[in-house]
Amino acid sequence: MAHVLVVDDDAGFRATVERMLRLLGHQVTMACSGREGLERFRADRPDLVLMDAYMPDGDGIETMAELQEEAPGTPVILVSGGGFLTREEVLRLATRLGAFGTIGKPFSLEQLRKAIDAELADEPAPRRGTNGAA
């Protein structure tokens, strides 16, 4: 299975996603901010990054852009529960800015599995939102 870096400022959400990913057989590294996420990415070079769109200390969209400059083609799934923009607006923007996939909070184990499988497939799929947000 894959090594997944989870970047989210919500400790409860990180713990839930970590359990879900481990159930799916993945190795997991955690980070609580964009800055820490970049540090962990540089140290561990995970196969995929699952990142919250809204975080202090480097939000997900800024962090994703920086990560793509350093390691182009690294699969990033941007996660959003909403904020200043609606969840759908954030996810559409993320896709336009380079997220390989998007998924809205909350999501099920099956939705997470499908999103990860799509991003790690041998043949790259067209860029689109996992929850229908494109």
C-alpha atoms as a PDB file:
ATOM      1  CA  MET A   1       0.000   0.000   0.000  1.00  0.00           C
ATOM      2  CA  ALA A   2       0.941   3.676  -0.042  1.00  0.00           C
ATOM      3  CA  HIS A   3       2.603   6.072   2.359  1.00  0.00           C
ATOM      4  CA  VAL A   4       0.128   8.929   2.933  1.00  0.00           C
ATOM      5  CA  LEU A   5       0.920  12.270   4.551  1.00  0.00           C
ATOM      6  CA  VAL A   6      -2.138  13.760   6.279  1.00  0.00           C
ATOM      7  CA  VAL A   7      -1.962  17.527   6.881  1.00  0.00           C
ATOM      8  CA  ASP A   8      -4.795  18.996   8.959  1.00  0.00           C
ATOM      9  CA  ASP A   9      -4.953  21.341  11.947  1.00  0.00           C
ATOM     10  CA  ASP A  10      -7.837  19.437  13.580  1.00  0.00           C
ATOM     11  CA  ALA A  11      -6.389  16.729  15.866  1.00  0.00           C
ATOM     12  CA  GLY A  12      -9.663  14.776  15.984  1.00  0.00           C
ATOM     13  CA  PHE A  13      -9.945  14.724  12.214  1.00  0.00           C
ATOM     14  CA  ARG A  14      -6.291  13.633  11.864  1.00  0.00           C
ATOM     15  CA  ALA A  15      -6.861  10.773  14.299  1.00  0.00           C
ATOM     16  CA  THR A  16      -9.988   9.620  12.449  1.00  0.00           C
ATOM     17  CA  VAL A  17      -8.292   9.755   9.055  1.00  0.00           C
ATOM     18  CA  GLU A  18      -5.237   7.972  10.425  1.00  0.00           C
ATOM     19  CA  ARG A  19      -7.468   5.094  11.626  1.00  0.00           C
ATOM     20  CA  MET A  20      -9.255   4.991   8.270  1.00  0.00           C
ATOM     21  CA  LEU A  21      -5.981   4.918   6.318  1.00  0.00           C
ATOM     22  CA  ARG A  22      -4.520   2.190   8.516  1.00  0.00           C
ATOM     23  CA  LEU A  23      -7.706   0.117   8.004  1.00  0.00           C
ATOM     24  CA  LEU A  24      -7.047   0.475   4.281  1.00  0.00           C
ATOM     25  CA  GLY A  25      -3.483  -0.771   4.806  1.00  0.00           C
ATOM     26  CA  HIS A  26      -1.598   2.487   4.275  1.00  0.00           C
ATOM     27  CA  GLN A  27       1.408   3.834   6.152  1.00  0.00           C
ATOM     28  CA  VAL A  28       0.562   7.240   7.633  1.00  0.00           C
ATOM     29  CA  THR A  29       2.558  10.338   8.564  1.00  0.00           C
ATOM     30  CA  MET A  30       0.769  13.238  10.254  1.00  0.00           C
ATOM     31  CA  ALA A  31       1.280  17.019  10.281  1.00  0.00           C
ATOM     32  CA  CYS A  32      -0.804  19.739  11.923  1.00  0.00           C
ATOM     33  CA  SER A  33       0.026  22.715   9.668  1.00  0.00           C
ATOM     34  CA  GLY A  34       1.134  23.554   6.159  1.00  0.00           C
ATOM     35  CA  ARG A  35       4.637  24.377   7.348  1.00  0.00           C
ATOM     36  CA  GLU A  36       4.961  21.098   9.257  1.00  0.00           C
ATOM     37  CA  GLY A  37       3.459  19.265   6.283  1.00  0.00           C
ATOM     38  CA  LEU A  38       6.193  20.575   3.991  1.00  0.00           C
ATOM     39  CA  GLU A  39       8.856  19.555   6.509  1.00  0.00           C
ATOM     40  CA  ARG A  40       7.421  16.045   6.811  1.00  0.00           C
ATOM     41  CA  PHE A  41       7.063  15.787   3.048  1.00  0.00           C
ATOM     42  CA  ARG A  42      10.707  16.712   2.536  1.00  0.00           C
ATOM     43  CA  ALA A  43      11.841  14.208   5.157  1.00  0.00           C
ATOM     44  CA  ASP A  44       9.613  11.252   4.195  1.00  0.00           C
ATOM     45  CA  ARG A  45       8.626  11.719   0.515  1.00  0.00           C
ATOM     46  CA  PRO A  46       5.206  10.057   0.849  1.00  0.00           C
ATOM     47  CA  ASP A  47       3.349   8.646  -2.138  1.00  0.00           C
ATOM     48  CA  LEU A  48       0.327  10.893  -1.636  1.00  0.00           C
ATOM     49  CA  VAL A  49      -0.663  13.944   0.417  1.00  0.00           C
ATOM     50  CA  LEU A  50      -4.142  14.423   1.904  1.00  0.00           C
ATOM     51  CA  MET A  51      -4.352  18.082   2.943  1.00  0.00           C
ATOM     52  CA  ASP A  52      -6.929  20.387   4.507  1.00  0.00           C
ATOM     53  CA  ALA A  53      -7.680  23.532   2.519  1.00  0.00           C
ATOM     54  CA  TYR A  54      -7.957  25.820   5.575  1.00  0.00           C
ATOM     55  CA  MET A  55      -5.140  25.804   8.128  1.00  0.00           C
ATOM     56  CA  PRO A  56      -3.089  28.325  10.048  1.00  0.00           C
ATOM     57  CA  ASP A  57       0.648  28.569   9.328  1.00  0.00           C
ATOM     58  CA  GLY A  58       0.306  27.914   5.600  1.00  0.00           C
ATOM     59  CA  ASP A  59      -3.110  26.971   4.264  1.00  0.00           C
ATOM     60  CA  GLY A  60      -3.591  23.928   2.092  1.00  0.00           C
ATOM     61  CA  ILE A  61      -3.758  25.705  -1.247  1.00  0.00           C
ATOM     62  CA  GLU A  62      -0.541  27.670  -0.605  1.00  0.00           C
ATOM     63  CA  THR A  63       1.171  24.563   0.744  1.00  0.00           C
ATOM     64  CA  MET A  64       0.010  22.485  -2.205  1.00  0.00           C
ATOM     65  CA  ALA A  65       1.469  25.034  -4.637  1.00  0.00           C
ATOM     66  CA  GLU A  66       4.814  25.007  -2.821  1.00  0.00           C
ATOM     67  CA  LEU A  67       4.860  21.229  -2.699  1.00  0.00           C
ATOM     68  CA  GLN A  68       4.143  21.004  -6.444  1.00  0.00           C
ATOM     69  CA  GLU A  69       7.048  23.375  -7.149  1.00  0.00           C
ATOM     70  CA  GLU A  70       9.388  21.099  -5.191  1.00  0.00           C
ATOM     71  CA  ALA A  71       8.020  17.764  -6.373  1.00  0.00           C
ATOM     72  CA  PRO A  72       5.873  18.179  -9.488  1.00  0.00           C
ATOM     73  CA  GLY A  73       3.376  15.411 -10.026  1.00  0.00           C
ATOM     74  CA  THR A  74       3.065  14.450  -6.371  1.00  0.00           C
ATOM     75  CA  PRO A  75      -0.563  13.416  -5.904  1.00  0.00           C
ATOM     76  CA  VAL A  76      -2.383  15.811  -3.583  1.00  0.00           C
ATOM     77  CA  ILE A  77      -5.978  15.357  -2.467  1.00  0.00           C
ATOM     78  CA  LEU A  78      -7.277  18.593  -1.007  1.00  0.00           C
ATOM     79  CA  VAL A  79      -9.949  18.264   1.685  1.00  0.00           C
ATOM     80  CA  SER A  80     -12.448  20.963   2.635  1.00  0.00           C
ATOM     81  CA  GLY A  81     -15.380  21.317   4.950  1.00  0.00           C
ATOM     82  CA  GLY A  82     -15.973  24.901   3.872  1.00  0.00           C
ATOM     83  CA  GLY A  83     -14.988  28.236   5.336  1.00  0.00           C
ATOM     84  CA  PHE A  84     -15.117  31.647   3.710  1.00  0.00           C
ATOM     85  CA  LEU A  85     -16.095  29.971   0.458  1.00  0.00           C
ATOM     86  CA  THR A  86     -18.468  27.056   0.175  1.00  0.00           C
ATOM     87  CA  ARG A  87     -16.960  23.597   0.234  1.00  0.00           C
ATOM     88  CA  GLU A  88     -17.763  23.163  -3.460  1.00  0.00           C
ATOM     89  CA  GLU A  89     -16.125  26.493  -4.394  1.00  0.00           C
ATOM     90  CA  VAL A  90     -12.957  25.582  -2.494  1.00  0.00           C
ATOM     91  CA  LEU A  91     -12.776  22.158  -4.104  1.00  0.00           C
ATOM     92  CA  ARG A  92     -13.269  23.564  -7.618  1.00  0.00           C
ATOM     93  CA  LEU A  93     -10.551  26.162  -6.983  1.00  0.00           C
ATOM     94  CA  ALA A  94      -8.193  23.517  -5.617  1.00  0.00           C
ATOM     95  CA  THR A  95      -8.577  21.413  -8.747  1.00  0.00           C
ATOM     96  CA  ARG A  96      -7.844  24.421 -10.961  1.00  0.00           C
ATOM     97  CA  LEU A  97      -4.733  25.196  -8.885  1.00  0.00           C
ATOM     98  CA  GLY A  98      -3.256  21.736  -9.176  1.00  0.00           C
ATOM     99  CA  ALA A  99      -4.878  19.364  -6.703  1.00  0.00           C
ATOM    100  CA  PHE A 100      -5.020  15.929  -8.276  1.00  0.00           C
ATOM    101  CA  GLY A 101      -8.255  15.222  -6.413  1.00  0.00           C
ATOM    102  CA  THR A 102     -10.597  16.743  -3.897  1.00  0.00           C
ATOM    103  CA  ILE A 103     -12.894  15.398  -1.231  1.00  0.00           C
ATOM    104  CA  GLY A 104     -15.365  17.182   1.007  1.00  0.00           C
ATOM    105  CA  LYS A 105     -15.639  16.725   4.754  1.00  0.00           C
ATOM    106  CA  PRO A 106     -17.158  14.612   6.108  1.00  0.00           C
ATOM    107  CA  PHE A 107     -16.365  11.561   3.994  1.00  0.00           C
ATOM    108  CA  SER A 108     -16.755   7.821   4.399  1.00  0.00           C
ATOM    109  CA  LEU A 109     -14.091   5.126   4.396  1.00  0.00           C
ATOM    110  CA  GLU A 110     -15.278   4.069   0.948  1.00  0.00           C
ATOM    111  CA  GLN A 111     -15.062   7.627  -0.432  1.00  0.00           C
ATOM    112  CA  LEU A 112     -11.530   7.937   0.948  1.00  0.00           C
ATOM    113  CA  ARG A 113     -10.529   4.584  -0.535  1.00  0.00           C
ATOM    114  CA  LYS A 114     -11.880   5.560  -3.965  1.00  0.00           C
ATOM    115  CA  ALA A 115     -10.129   8.945  -3.882  1.00  0.00           C
ATOM    116  CA  ILE A 116      -6.771   7.389  -2.986  1.00  0.00           C
ATOM    117  CA  ASP A 117      -7.137   4.550  -5.482  1.00  0.00           C
ATOM    118  CA  ALA A 118      -7.917   7.058  -8.251  1.00  0.00           C
ATOM    119  CA  GLU A 119      -4.845   9.129  -7.458  1.00  0.00           C
ATOM    120  CA  LEU A 120      -2.472   6.184  -7.204  1.00  0.00           C
ATOM    121  CA  ALA A 121      -3.767   4.336 -10.288  1.00  0.00           C
ATOM    122  CA  ASP A 122      -1.201   3.516 -12.952  1.00  0.00           C
ATOM    123  CA  GLU A 123      -3.115   5.495 -15.551  1.00  0.00           C
ATOM    124  CA  PRO A 124      -3.759   9.080 -14.428  1.00  0.00           C
ATOM    125  CA  ALA A 125      -7.433   9.971 -14.446  1.00  0.00           C
ATOM    126  CA  PRO A 126      -8.668  13.373 -15.629  1.00  0.00           C
ATOM    127  CA  ARG A 127      -8.464  15.989 -12.908  1.00  0.00           C
ATOM    128  CA  ARG A 128     -11.810  16.234 -11.185  1.00  0.00           C
ATOM    129  CA  GLY A 129     -13.277  16.380  -7.751  1.00  0.00           C
ATOM    130  CA  THR A 130     -13.887  13.124  -5.929  1.00  0.00           C
ATOM    131  CA  ASN A 131     -17.262  14.285  -4.611  1.00  0.00           C
ATOM    132  CA  GLY A 132     -18.474  15.589  -7.946  1.00  0.00           C
ATOM    133  CA  ALA A 133     -16.863  19.005  -7.455  1.00  0.00           C
ATOM    134  CA  ALA A 134     -14.927  19.905 -10.585  1.00  0.00           C
END
